[in-house]
């Protein structure tokens, strides 16, 4: 006897796929970010047992990486340039992996690609302590390979949003998924700080590798590339997900030339560059700022570093929800409003922080936390704009956003350490002024180019079929009730699927919209159509089957 399909409420499948994707992206990012608090202990020779035991012996003559010590007790003194290289290796790997990983996404799908990416993350994270104590260049290679796992978050977000989100909920979907950066730091900063200070810097990497393995197993069990193939997706949920979307196509062919000739896309890319230039401060350099400038211990600095990211994630969800729910102003106005709050709000606070005297460390810390937190409103700005404008081609647009993100993080890896080699307040003030200037200019450019509607190249184009001399648009009435919309979608019977009332299984059509694919029929066999083609005769079922 065939096993009956599992039918659950829409929210159940959504709960599985959206948070699973968020958690997998977050733990992969966490496995990279955990290097930052671990490195603070790794380079702190004063915490080494050899440091306290020295008797009239120059520090330079002591081997703090002595093989007789346990890995947790070993210390390595990196120069400023070596620290920059170790930061940059991640983003160099991410840049080099964008093209091959994007090709894998198109060929294998999101599900299989992310399993491979997750395995790479687990292995490279677990061997990072061994690489660190073995050889600097070996560690650079490991960091470079680990960086390839950061090559595809935005294309994955675009793919998940396009396939699993209804158009009405796209803002909230994007805000949640793009929160993987904040969620990663919220988990990593306090956990890594406590473990590195009290257990050992190497244990930080082992913990993250283990958690990544657990989350990857949940991804493999719960996720599916296609909603209509997911066992927990009901017909009602599938119709809600699919309404208003472009038809299922057998081959993904992005119109690259048209995409790059669209001004709003360039506005999105400029906003992306500015956003992640500043975002890197929160995920990489904020613990160092609190330790070196505010004179906090590592454990306290790690906990405080998580606070603005918690607030940032909250603001992301708030902006995404408000962007979907507010209907009395246009999408374009909402996009400009939220992006301005994020960029100009953060920029103003950074300038204020730079002008506050160094003696008011508590005040400057509060202002920095507020500046980083406001950046969360970008979920209703350029990130949502990218999904609205590019629709089914959002993975392609976001793949370029991924490259730009990596380039911004790569440049910041050299800019900030190069300007703050002594870790003073005055040096960080220069960094804050640079951030503020970029945020102001970037927002102006984006708001001038932004759009609140889908681009022309996202709309389905029906090519002329030389075999047939006429076309016939099938309607729900001409085909009769559809009992299995997921099977129909699999066979390309729909262009869009409308949400149905609970009392019927027969699809309804929203105003001005046909839910069935345009099917060519030979003019000699097709019934005569009226001039406006609005009331075709109902064809025989045999005729439709022959088509």
Protein backbone atom coordinates (compact mmCIF):
# COMPACT_ATOMS: atom_id res chain seq x y z
CA UNK A 1 0.00 0.00 0.00
CA UNK A 2 1.38 3.41 -0.99
CA UNK A 3 2.42 5.66 1.80
CA UNK A 4 0.05 8.58 2.20
CA UNK A 5 1.66 12.03 1.79
CA UNK A 6 2.11 14.10 4.91
CA UNK A 7 -0.12 17.17 4.89
CA UNK A 8 0.58 19.90 7.42
CA UNK A 9 -0.18 23.58 7.76
CA UNK A 10 1.72 26.10 5.65
CA UNK A 11 3.57 27.52 8.62
CA UNK A 12 5.14 24.13 9.40
CA UNK A 13 7.06 23.83 6.12
CA UNK A 14 7.99 27.50 6.33
CA UNK A 15 9.32 27.05 9.86
CA UNK A 16 11.57 24.25 8.62
CA UNK A 17 13.06 25.79 5.47
CA UNK A 18 13.52 29.44 6.35
CA UNK A 19 15.23 29.07 9.75
CA UNK A 20 17.24 26.07 8.55
CA UNK A 21 18.74 28.17 5.78
CA UNK A 22 19.34 31.05 8.19
CA UNK A 23 21.08 28.84 10.75
CA UNK A 24 23.30 27.13 8.17
CA UNK A 25 24.46 30.46 6.72
CA UNK A 26 24.97 31.81 10.24
CA UNK A 27 27.10 28.92 11.54
CA UNK A 28 29.28 28.98 8.39
CA UNK A 29 29.84 32.69 9.00
CA UNK A 30 30.41 32.02 12.71
CA UNK A 31 33.14 29.52 11.90
CA UNK A 32 34.96 32.34 10.13
CA UNK A 33 34.24 35.12 12.62
CA UNK A 34 35.33 33.03 15.63
CA UNK A 35 38.93 33.68 14.57
CA UNK A 36 38.65 37.28 15.82
CA UNK A 37 38.18 36.69 19.59
CA UNK A 38 40.37 33.58 19.43
CA UNK A 39 43.21 35.59 17.88
CA UNK A 40 43.14 38.13 20.73
CA UNK A 41 44.13 35.32 23.12
CA UNK A 42 46.45 33.65 20.59
CA UNK A 43 48.63 36.78 20.25
CA UNK A 44 48.52 37.69 23.96
CA UNK A 45 51.91 36.48 25.14
CA UNK A 46 51.22 37.80 28.64
CA UNK A 47 48.72 34.95 29.11
CA UNK A 48 51.30 32.31 28.24
CA UNK A 49 52.75 30.19 31.11
CA UNK A 50 56.23 30.93 29.74
CA UNK A 51 55.72 34.66 30.17
CA UNK A 52 55.18 34.46 33.92
CA UNK A 53 58.12 32.08 34.35
CA UNK A 54 60.72 34.24 32.60
CA UNK A 55 63.61 35.31 34.80
CA UNK A 56 65.74 38.14 33.42
CA UNK A 57 65.27 36.77 29.93
CA UNK A 58 64.42 38.94 26.88
CA UNK A 59 60.93 38.30 25.52
CA UNK A 60 62.29 38.02 22.00
CA UNK A 61 64.31 34.96 22.97
CA UNK A 62 61.31 33.04 24.31
CA UNK A 63 59.54 30.58 21.99
CA UNK A 64 55.89 31.01 22.96
CA UNK A 65 55.00 28.37 20.35
CA UNK A 66 57.11 25.74 22.07
CA UNK A 67 56.06 22.20 20.98
CA UNK A 68 56.22 21.05 24.60
CA UNK A 69 53.21 23.24 25.40
CA UNK A 70 49.63 22.25 24.77
CA UNK A 71 47.93 23.95 21.83
CA UNK A 72 45.85 26.05 24.23
CA UNK A 73 48.97 27.44 25.90
CA UNK A 74 50.83 28.32 22.74
CA UNK A 75 51.06 31.94 21.65
CA UNK A 76 52.07 33.46 18.30
CA UNK A 77 53.10 37.06 17.76
CA UNK A 78 51.74 38.21 14.40
CA UNK A 79 52.85 41.47 12.85
CA UNK A 80 50.30 44.02 11.63
CA UNK A 81 50.80 42.92 8.04
CA UNK A 82 50.39 39.24 8.97
CA UNK A 83 47.12 40.00 10.77
CA UNK A 84 45.87 41.83 7.69
CA UNK A 85 46.83 38.91 5.45
CA UNK A 86 44.98 36.45 7.69
CA UNK A 87 41.85 38.63 7.60
CA UNK A 88 42.15 39.20 3.86
CA UNK A 89 42.75 35.50 3.04
CA UNK A 90 39.13 34.75 3.94
CA UNK A 91 37.74 37.34 1.57
CA UNK A 92 40.23 36.51 -1.18
CA UNK A 93 38.96 32.94 -0.99
CA UNK A 94 35.38 34.18 -1.04
CA UNK A 95 36.01 36.24 -4.18
CA UNK A 96 37.75 33.38 -5.98
CA UNK A 97 34.90 31.01 -5.13
CA UNK A 98 32.01 33.16 -6.35
CA UNK A 99 32.05 31.98 -9.98
CA UNK A 100 32.56 28.22 -9.39
CA UNK A 101 30.10 28.11 -6.49
CA UNK A 102 27.51 30.05 -8.52
CA UNK A 103 27.90 27.54 -11.35
CA UNK A 104 27.40 24.72 -8.86
CA UNK A 105 24.24 26.42 -7.59
CA UNK A 106 22.85 26.50 -11.11
CA UNK A 107 23.90 22.93 -11.94
CA UNK A 108 23.31 21.09 -8.64
CA UNK A 109 20.84 23.35 -6.87
CA UNK A 110 20.99 25.04 -3.47
CA UNK A 111 20.48 21.86 -1.45
CA UNK A 112 23.50 19.87 -2.71
CA UNK A 113 25.78 22.88 -3.05
CA UNK A 114 25.27 23.93 0.56
CA UNK A 115 26.00 20.41 1.77
CA UNK A 116 29.39 20.62 0.05
CA UNK A 117 30.01 24.12 1.41
CA UNK A 118 29.09 22.97 4.91
CA UNK A 119 31.54 20.06 4.79
CA UNK A 120 34.37 22.38 3.71
CA UNK A 121 33.51 24.70 6.60
CA UNK A 122 33.60 21.87 9.14
CA UNK A 123 36.98 20.54 7.97
CA UNK A 124 38.76 23.90 7.66
CA UNK A 125 37.43 25.13 11.00
CA UNK A 126 38.55 21.98 12.81
CA UNK A 127 42.13 22.10 11.44
CA UNK A 128 42.66 25.86 11.97
CA UNK A 129 44.39 25.44 15.40
CA UNK A 130 46.81 22.86 13.95
CA UNK A 131 47.54 25.12 10.99
CA UNK A 132 48.14 28.12 13.29
CA UNK A 133 50.84 26.40 15.34
CA UNK A 134 52.43 24.66 12.34
CA UNK A 135 53.16 27.36 9.78
CA UNK A 136 51.90 30.83 8.94
CA UNK A 137 51.56 30.11 5.23
CA UNK A 138 49.75 26.85 5.93
CA UNK A 139 47.27 28.86 8.02
CA UNK A 140 46.83 31.36 5.17
CA UNK A 141 45.96 28.49 2.80
CA UNK A 142 43.45 27.06 5.28
CA UNK A 143 41.87 30.49 5.74
CA UNK A 144 41.73 30.95 1.96
CA UNK A 145 39.93 27.61 1.48
CA UNK A 146 37.59 28.40 4.35
CA UNK A 147 36.84 31.71 2.64
CA UNK A 148 35.26 29.87 -0.30
CA UNK A 149 32.40 28.95 2.04
CA UNK A 150 31.55 32.65 2.11
CA UNK A 151 31.15 32.75 -1.68
CA UNK A 152 27.42 32.18 -1.95
CA UNK A 153 25.27 33.50 0.94
CA UNK A 154 23.52 36.12 -1.16
CA UNK A 155 22.77 33.85 -4.14
CA UNK A 156 21.44 31.29 -1.66
CA UNK A 157 19.28 33.96 -0.01
CA UNK A 158 17.97 34.99 -3.42
CA UNK A 159 17.22 31.39 -4.35
CA UNK A 160 15.45 30.56 -1.08
CA UNK A 161 13.44 33.78 -1.15
CA UNK A 162 12.42 33.34 -4.78
CA UNK A 163 11.30 29.74 -4.30
CA UNK A 164 9.91 29.70 -0.77
CA UNK A 165 8.55 33.19 -0.14
CA UNK A 166 5.28 34.59 -1.41
CA UNK A 167 5.58 38.03 -2.99
CA UNK A 168 3.66 39.57 -0.08
CA UNK A 169 6.21 38.27 2.45
CA UNK A 170 9.42 38.84 0.47
CA UNK A 171 10.51 41.74 2.69
CA UNK A 172 10.33 39.73 5.90
CA UNK A 173 11.92 36.71 4.20
CA UNK A 174 14.89 38.77 3.04
CA UNK A 175 15.27 40.51 6.39
CA UNK A 176 15.41 37.20 8.25
CA UNK A 177 17.82 35.47 5.87
CA UNK A 178 20.19 38.44 5.56
CA UNK A 179 20.32 38.42 9.35
CA UNK A 180 22.76 35.50 9.17
CA UNK A 181 25.64 37.93 9.69
CA UNK A 182 24.14 39.33 12.88
CA UNK A 183 23.07 35.91 14.14
CA UNK A 184 26.57 34.53 13.57
CA UNK A 185 28.18 37.28 15.63
CA UNK A 186 25.47 37.09 18.32
CA UNK A 187 26.41 33.44 18.84
CA UNK A 188 30.14 33.67 18.24
CA UNK A 189 31.23 36.77 20.10
CA UNK A 190 30.15 35.86 23.64
CA UNK A 191 30.67 32.11 23.24
CA UNK A 192 34.12 32.44 21.69
CA UNK A 193 35.21 35.12 24.15
CA UNK A 194 34.31 33.01 27.17
CA UNK A 195 35.80 29.80 25.75
CA UNK A 196 39.02 31.44 24.57
CA UNK A 197 39.58 33.18 27.92
CA UNK A 198 38.67 30.29 30.21
CA UNK A 199 39.19 27.06 28.26
CA UNK A 200 41.53 27.65 25.34
CA UNK A 201 41.62 29.52 22.05
CA UNK A 202 41.79 26.28 20.06
CA UNK A 203 38.59 24.91 21.65
CA UNK A 204 36.69 27.78 20.00
CA UNK A 205 37.24 26.19 16.58
CA UNK A 206 36.36 22.67 17.71
CA UNK A 207 33.05 23.88 19.15
CA UNK A 208 32.13 25.72 15.96
CA UNK A 209 33.00 22.75 13.78
CA UNK A 210 30.75 20.51 15.90
CA UNK A 211 27.82 22.94 15.82
CA UNK A 212 28.23 23.33 12.06
CA UNK A 213 27.97 19.55 11.67
CA UNK A 214 24.68 19.47 13.60
CA UNK A 215 23.14 22.33 11.62
CA UNK A 216 24.28 20.79 8.33
CA UNK A 217 22.52 17.54 9.27
CA UNK A 218 19.30 19.50 9.91
CA UNK A 219 19.66 21.18 6.52
CA UNK A 220 20.10 17.83 4.78
CA UNK A 221 16.98 16.48 6.50
CA UNK A 222 14.64 19.47 6.25
CA UNK A 223 15.41 21.48 3.14
CA UNK A 224 14.28 21.02 -0.45
CA UNK A 225 15.08 23.02 -3.58
CA UNK A 226 11.50 22.84 -4.85
CA UNK A 227 8.46 23.58 -2.62
CA UNK A 228 6.21 21.38 -4.77
CA UNK A 229 8.46 18.40 -3.97
CA UNK A 230 8.65 19.01 -0.23
CA UNK A 231 6.62 16.38 1.68
CA UNK A 232 5.40 18.94 4.23
CA UNK A 233 4.01 21.47 1.73
CA UNK A 234 0.25 21.38 1.34
CA UNK A 235 -1.58 22.43 -1.83
CA UNK A 236 -2.79 25.57 -0.07
CA UNK A 237 0.73 26.59 0.88
CA UNK A 238 2.06 25.91 -2.58
CA UNK A 239 -0.57 28.13 -4.17
CA UNK A 240 0.26 30.96 -1.78
CA UNK A 241 3.97 30.66 -2.47
CA UNK A 242 3.50 30.65 -6.24
CA UNK A 243 0.94 33.41 -6.80
CA UNK A 244 2.20 36.19 -9.06
CA UNK A 245 5.50 34.52 -9.91
CA UNK A 246 6.97 33.78 -13.31
CA UNK A 247 6.44 30.31 -14.80
CA UNK A 248 8.71 27.41 -14.07
CA UNK A 249 11.39 27.18 -16.73
CA UNK A 250 13.56 24.21 -17.65
CA UNK A 251 16.69 26.31 -18.07
CA UNK A 252 17.86 29.34 -16.10
CA UNK A 253 19.01 32.01 -18.56
CA UNK A 254 19.61 35.38 -16.87
CA UNK A 255 19.63 38.40 -19.21
CA UNK A 256 23.08 39.54 -18.12
CA UNK A 257 23.34 42.45 -20.56
CA UNK A 258 19.98 43.89 -19.53
CA UNK A 259 20.75 43.42 -15.85
CA UNK A 260 24.00 45.36 -15.99
CA UNK A 261 22.43 48.12 -18.11
CA UNK A 262 19.78 48.79 -15.43
CA UNK A 263 20.68 51.89 -13.30
CA UNK A 264 18.90 50.66 -10.18
CA UNK A 265 21.09 47.55 -10.12
CA UNK A 266 24.18 49.76 -9.95
CA UNK A 267 22.58 51.73 -7.13
CA UNK A 268 22.06 48.46 -5.25
CA UNK A 269 25.68 47.46 -5.83
CA UNK A 270 27.00 50.80 -4.55
CA UNK A 271 24.83 50.50 -1.43
CA UNK A 272 26.10 46.94 -0.93
CA UNK A 273 29.73 48.08 -1.03
CA UNK A 274 29.14 50.85 1.51
CA UNK A 275 27.03 48.66 3.79
CA UNK A 276 29.59 45.90 4.18
CA UNK A 277 32.52 48.26 4.48
CA UNK A 278 30.95 49.47 7.72
CA UNK A 279 29.39 46.12 8.68
CA UNK A 280 32.86 44.61 8.91
CA UNK A 281 33.59 46.83 11.89
CA UNK A 282 30.81 45.13 13.85
CA UNK A 283 31.74 41.57 12.97
CA UNK A 284 35.54 41.91 13.01
CA UNK A 285 36.95 45.00 14.67
CA UNK A 286 34.46 46.00 17.36
CA UNK A 287 35.84 43.59 20.00
CA UNK A 288 39.31 45.02 19.31
CA UNK A 289 37.97 48.58 19.63
CA UNK A 290 36.44 47.80 23.02
CA UNK A 291 39.61 46.06 24.24
CA UNK A 292 42.17 48.57 22.96
CA UNK A 293 40.24 51.88 23.16
CA UNK A 294 37.63 51.31 25.88
CA UNK A 295 40.10 49.20 27.92
CA UNK A 296 37.68 46.33 28.56
CA UNK A 297 38.66 42.73 29.18
CA UNK A 298 38.01 40.25 26.36
CA UNK A 299 35.02 38.50 27.97
CA UNK A 300 33.15 41.77 28.59
CA UNK A 301 34.09 43.14 25.16
CA UNK A 302 32.84 39.98 23.46
CA UNK A 303 29.49 40.15 25.24
CA UNK A 304 29.04 43.87 24.50
CA UNK A 305 29.96 43.28 20.84
CA UNK A 306 26.94 41.02 20.53
CA UNK A 307 24.47 43.66 21.79
CA UNK A 308 24.43 45.88 18.67
CA UNK A 309 24.13 42.80 16.48
CA UNK A 310 21.12 41.60 18.49
CA UNK A 311 19.56 45.03 18.03
CA UNK A 312 20.55 45.03 14.37
CA UNK A 313 18.81 41.71 13.82
CA UNK A 314 15.71 43.03 15.59
CA UNK A 315 15.71 46.14 13.38
CA UNK A 316 16.10 43.94 10.30
CA UNK A 317 13.01 41.94 11.19
CA UNK A 318 11.13 45.13 12.14
CA UNK A 319 12.04 46.83 8.86
CA UNK A 320 11.12 43.75 6.84
CA UNK A 321 7.75 43.42 8.56
CA UNK A 322 6.88 47.10 8.30
CA UNK A 323 7.96 47.14 4.67
CA UNK A 324 5.46 44.35 3.91
CA UNK A 325 2.62 45.64 6.10
CA UNK A 326 2.67 49.37 5.36
CA UNK A 327 0.44 49.97 2.35
CA UNK A 328 -0.37 53.70 2.42
CA UNK A 329 2.99 54.65 0.86
CA UNK A 330 4.67 53.24 -2.22
CA UNK A 331 7.37 50.57 -2.20
CA UNK A 332 9.86 53.11 -3.54
CA UNK A 333 9.21 55.51 -0.67
CA UNK A 334 9.59 52.71 1.86
CA UNK A 335 12.85 51.55 0.28
CA UNK A 336 14.32 55.06 0.37
CA UNK A 337 13.08 55.68 3.92
CA UNK A 338 14.54 52.52 5.47
CA UNK A 339 17.83 52.84 3.61
CA UNK A 340 18.22 56.45 4.78
CA UNK A 341 17.55 55.50 8.39
CA UNK A 342 20.21 52.78 8.14
CA UNK A 343 22.92 54.74 6.31
CA UNK A 344 22.49 58.34 7.44
CA UNK A 345 21.49 57.37 10.97
CA UNK A 346 24.67 55.32 11.38
CA UNK A 347 26.79 57.99 9.70
CA UNK A 348 25.60 60.78 12.00
CA UNK A 349 26.26 58.70 15.12
CA UNK A 350 29.76 57.77 13.92
CA UNK A 351 30.62 61.47 13.53
CA UNK A 352 29.26 62.20 17.00
CA UNK A 353 31.31 59.33 18.44
CA UNK A 354 34.48 60.69 16.83
CA UNK A 355 33.86 64.15 18.32
CA UNK A 356 33.28 62.88 21.88
CA UNK A 357 36.45 63.18 24.01
CA UNK A 358 38.40 60.04 24.82
CA UNK A 359 37.65 60.44 28.53
CA UNK A 360 33.97 59.52 27.99
CA UNK A 361 34.52 55.87 27.10
CA UNK A 362 31.06 54.76 28.27
CA UNK A 363 29.39 57.39 26.09
CA UNK A 364 31.45 56.49 23.02
CA UNK A 365 30.70 52.80 23.54
CA UNK A 366 26.94 53.49 23.68
CA UNK A 367 27.11 55.64 20.54
CA UNK A 368 29.07 52.99 18.60
CA UNK A 369 26.54 50.35 19.64
CA UNK A 370 23.68 52.58 18.44
CA UNK A 371 25.43 53.30 15.12
CA UNK A 372 25.97 49.62 14.39
CA UNK A 373 22.39 48.78 15.44
CA UNK A 374 20.74 51.23 13.03
CA UNK A 375 22.36 49.52 10.07
CA UNK A 376 19.76 46.76 10.50
CA UNK A 377 17.13 48.92 8.79
CA UNK A 378 18.87 48.17 5.47
CA UNK A 379 16.64 45.08 5.21
CA UNK A 380 13.84 47.37 4.05
CA UNK A 381 16.22 49.31 1.81
CA UNK A 382 18.66 48.08 -0.82
CA UNK A 383 18.32 44.40 0.08
CA UNK A 384 14.56 44.35 -0.48
CA UNK A 385 14.99 46.53 -3.56
CA UNK A 386 17.22 43.86 -5.10
CA UNK A 387 14.51 41.21 -4.71
CA UNK A 388 11.68 43.45 -5.92
CA UNK A 389 13.57 44.57 -9.01
CA UNK A 390 15.20 41.28 -10.04
CA UNK A 391 12.47 38.79 -8.97
CA UNK A 392 13.35 35.34 -10.42
CA UNK A 393 16.83 36.57 -11.36
CA UNK A 394 17.65 37.66 -7.81
CA UNK A 395 20.25 34.85 -7.43
CA UNK A 396 22.19 36.35 -10.35
CA UNK A 397 21.95 39.92 -9.03
CA UNK A 398 22.88 38.75 -5.54
CA UNK A 399 25.86 36.80 -6.85
CA UNK A 400 27.37 40.12 -7.91
CA UNK A 401 26.38 41.57 -4.52
CA UNK A 402 28.35 38.70 -3.03
CA UNK A 403 31.47 39.68 -4.99
CA UNK A 404 31.08 43.31 -3.94
CA UNK A 405 30.62 42.28 -0.31
CA UNK A 406 33.84 40.27 -0.43
CA UNK A 407 35.73 43.15 -2.07
CA UNK A 408 34.49 45.55 0.63
CA UNK A 409 35.49 43.18 3.42
CA UNK A 410 38.82 42.51 1.70
CA UNK A 411 39.66 46.22 1.46
CA UNK A 412 38.54 46.80 5.06
CA UNK A 413 40.89 44.05 6.21
CA UNK A 414 43.80 46.26 5.21
CA UNK A 415 42.28 49.71 5.79
CA UNK A 416 41.33 49.37 9.45
CA UNK A 417 44.50 47.60 10.72
CA UNK A 418 46.60 49.98 8.63
CA UNK A 419 44.97 53.05 10.19
CA UNK A 420 44.79 51.69 13.77
CA UNK A 421 48.13 49.95 14.26
CA UNK A 422 48.43 51.52 17.75
CA UNK A 423 44.76 51.03 18.65
CA UNK A 424 44.20 54.63 19.82
CA UNK A 425 40.97 56.62 19.88
CA UNK A 426 42.38 59.18 17.46
CA UNK A 427 43.19 56.49 14.91
CA UNK A 428 39.72 54.96 15.13
CA UNK A 429 38.21 58.45 14.70
CA UNK A 430 39.74 58.56 11.20
CA UNK A 431 38.09 55.21 10.42
CA UNK A 432 34.73 56.52 11.66
CA UNK A 433 34.95 59.63 9.45
CA UNK A 434 35.68 57.44 6.42
CA UNK A 435 32.73 55.18 7.24
CA UNK A 436 30.40 58.19 7.67
CA UNK A 437 31.43 59.78 4.37
CA UNK A 438 30.86 56.52 2.49
CA UNK A 439 27.44 56.03 4.13
CA UNK A 440 26.27 59.54 3.23
CA UNK A 441 27.39 59.39 -0.40
CA UNK A 442 26.24 55.79 -0.90
CA UNK A 443 22.72 56.55 0.32
CA UNK A 444 22.36 59.57 -1.96
CA UNK A 445 23.35 57.56 -5.02
CA UNK A 446 21.09 54.63 -4.11
CA UNK A 447 18.02 56.78 -3.41
CA UNK A 448 18.41 58.55 -6.75
CA UNK A 449 18.58 55.26 -8.68
CA UNK A 450 16.18 53.12 -6.61
CA UNK A 451 12.97 51.60 -8.05
CA UNK A 452 10.04 49.93 -6.34
CA UNK A 453 8.86 47.65 -9.13
CA UNK A 454 10.08 44.66 -11.11
CA UNK A 455 12.39 45.35 -14.04
CA UNK A 456 11.13 44.73 -17.55
CA UNK A 457 13.55 41.86 -18.07
CA UNK A 458 11.88 39.87 -15.27
CA UNK A 459 8.58 39.62 -17.12
CA UNK A 460 7.94 36.36 -19.03
CA UNK A 461 8.34 36.62 -22.79
CA UNK A 462 6.39 34.20 -25.00
CA UNK A 463 8.45 33.57 -28.11
CA UNK A 464 6.73 32.99 -31.43
CA UNK A 465 6.40 29.31 -32.27
CA UNK A 466 7.03 28.73 -35.93
CA UNK A 467 5.16 25.42 -35.88
CA UNK A 468 1.88 27.05 -35.01
CA UNK A 469 0.28 30.07 -36.57
CA UNK A 470 -1.94 31.03 -33.65
CA UNK A 471 -1.99 30.77 -29.90
CA UNK A 472 -4.70 29.97 -27.40
CA UNK A 473 -4.68 30.95 -23.74
CA UNK A 474 -6.20 28.26 -21.59
CA UNK A 475 -8.35 29.38 -18.68
CA UNK A 476 -9.47 27.51 -15.55
CA UNK A 477 -12.88 27.09 -17.15
CA UNK A 478 -11.44 25.46 -20.28
CA UNK A 479 -9.41 22.92 -18.35
CA UNK A 480 -11.73 22.27 -15.44
CA UNK A 481 -10.74 21.96 -11.76
CA UNK A 482 -7.13 21.20 -10.90
CA UNK A 483 -6.86 18.71 -8.06
CA UNK A 484 -3.09 18.62 -7.81
CA UNK A 485 -1.48 22.04 -8.39
CA UNK A 486 1.98 20.76 -7.44
CA UNK A 487 1.86 18.07 -10.12
CA UNK A 488 0.59 20.64 -12.59
CA UNK A 489 3.49 22.93 -11.74
CA UNK A 490 5.93 20.07 -12.24
CA UNK A 491 4.50 19.58 -15.74
CA UNK A 492 4.58 23.35 -16.49
CA UNK A 493 0.79 23.65 -16.52
CA UNK A 494 0.83 26.95 -14.61
CA UNK A 495 2.45 30.30 -15.02
CA UNK A 496 1.24 31.38 -11.62
CA UNK A 497 -0.95 29.80 -9.00
CA UNK A 498 -3.46 31.78 -7.02
CA UNK A 499 -4.37 31.19 -3.41
CA UNK A 500 -7.63 29.31 -3.15
CA UNK A 501 -10.49 29.57 -0.70
CA UNK A 502 -10.57 26.75 1.79
CA UNK A 503 -13.86 25.48 0.34
CA UNK A 504 -12.61 24.75 -3.17
CA UNK A 505 -9.73 23.24 -5.03
CA UNK A 506 -10.46 25.07 -8.28
CA UNK A 507 -7.85 27.84 -8.83
CA UNK A 508 -9.05 31.41 -8.99
CA UNK A 509 -7.48 34.12 -11.09
CA UNK A 510 -6.58 37.49 -9.65
CA UNK A 511 -7.57 40.59 -11.56
CA UNK A 512 -5.79 40.89 -14.90
CA UNK A 513 -3.84 37.68 -14.41
CA UNK A 514 -3.92 34.26 -16.05
CA UNK A 515 -2.57 31.34 -14.11
CA UNK A 516 -2.07 29.03 -17.06
CA UNK A 517 0.76 28.84 -19.51
CA UNK A 518 0.20 30.06 -23.05
CA UNK A 519 -0.05 26.86 -25.10
CA UNK A 520 0.27 26.96 -28.90
CA UNK A 521 -2.49 25.24 -30.88
CA UNK A 522 -2.67 24.86 -34.64
CA UNK A 523 -5.14 27.33 -36.07
CA UNK A 524 -6.86 24.62 -38.09
CA UNK A 525 -7.62 22.62 -34.95
CA UNK A 526 -8.22 25.43 -32.50
CA UNK A 527 -11.66 27.00 -32.14
CA UNK A 528 -12.17 30.41 -33.64
CA UNK A 529 -11.24 33.19 -31.25
CA UNK A 530 -12.92 36.54 -30.97
CA UNK A 531 -11.06 39.69 -31.91
CA UNK A 532 -10.05 40.46 -28.37
CA UNK A 533 -9.43 36.79 -27.46
CA UNK A 534 -11.29 37.12 -24.17
CA UNK A 535 -13.95 34.42 -24.60
CA UNK A 536 -12.53 31.37 -26.31
CA UNK A 537 -14.69 28.32 -26.85
CA UNK A 538 -14.05 25.42 -24.57
CA UNK A 539 -11.89 22.82 -26.37
CA UNK A 540 -12.44 19.11 -26.04
CA UNK A 541 -10.32 17.40 -23.42
CA UNK A 542 -8.84 15.23 -26.19
CA UNK A 543 -7.64 18.34 -28.02
CA UNK A 544 -5.87 19.60 -24.93
CA UNK A 545 -4.22 16.25 -24.31
CA UNK A 546 -2.94 16.18 -27.88
CA UNK A 547 -1.31 19.55 -27.36
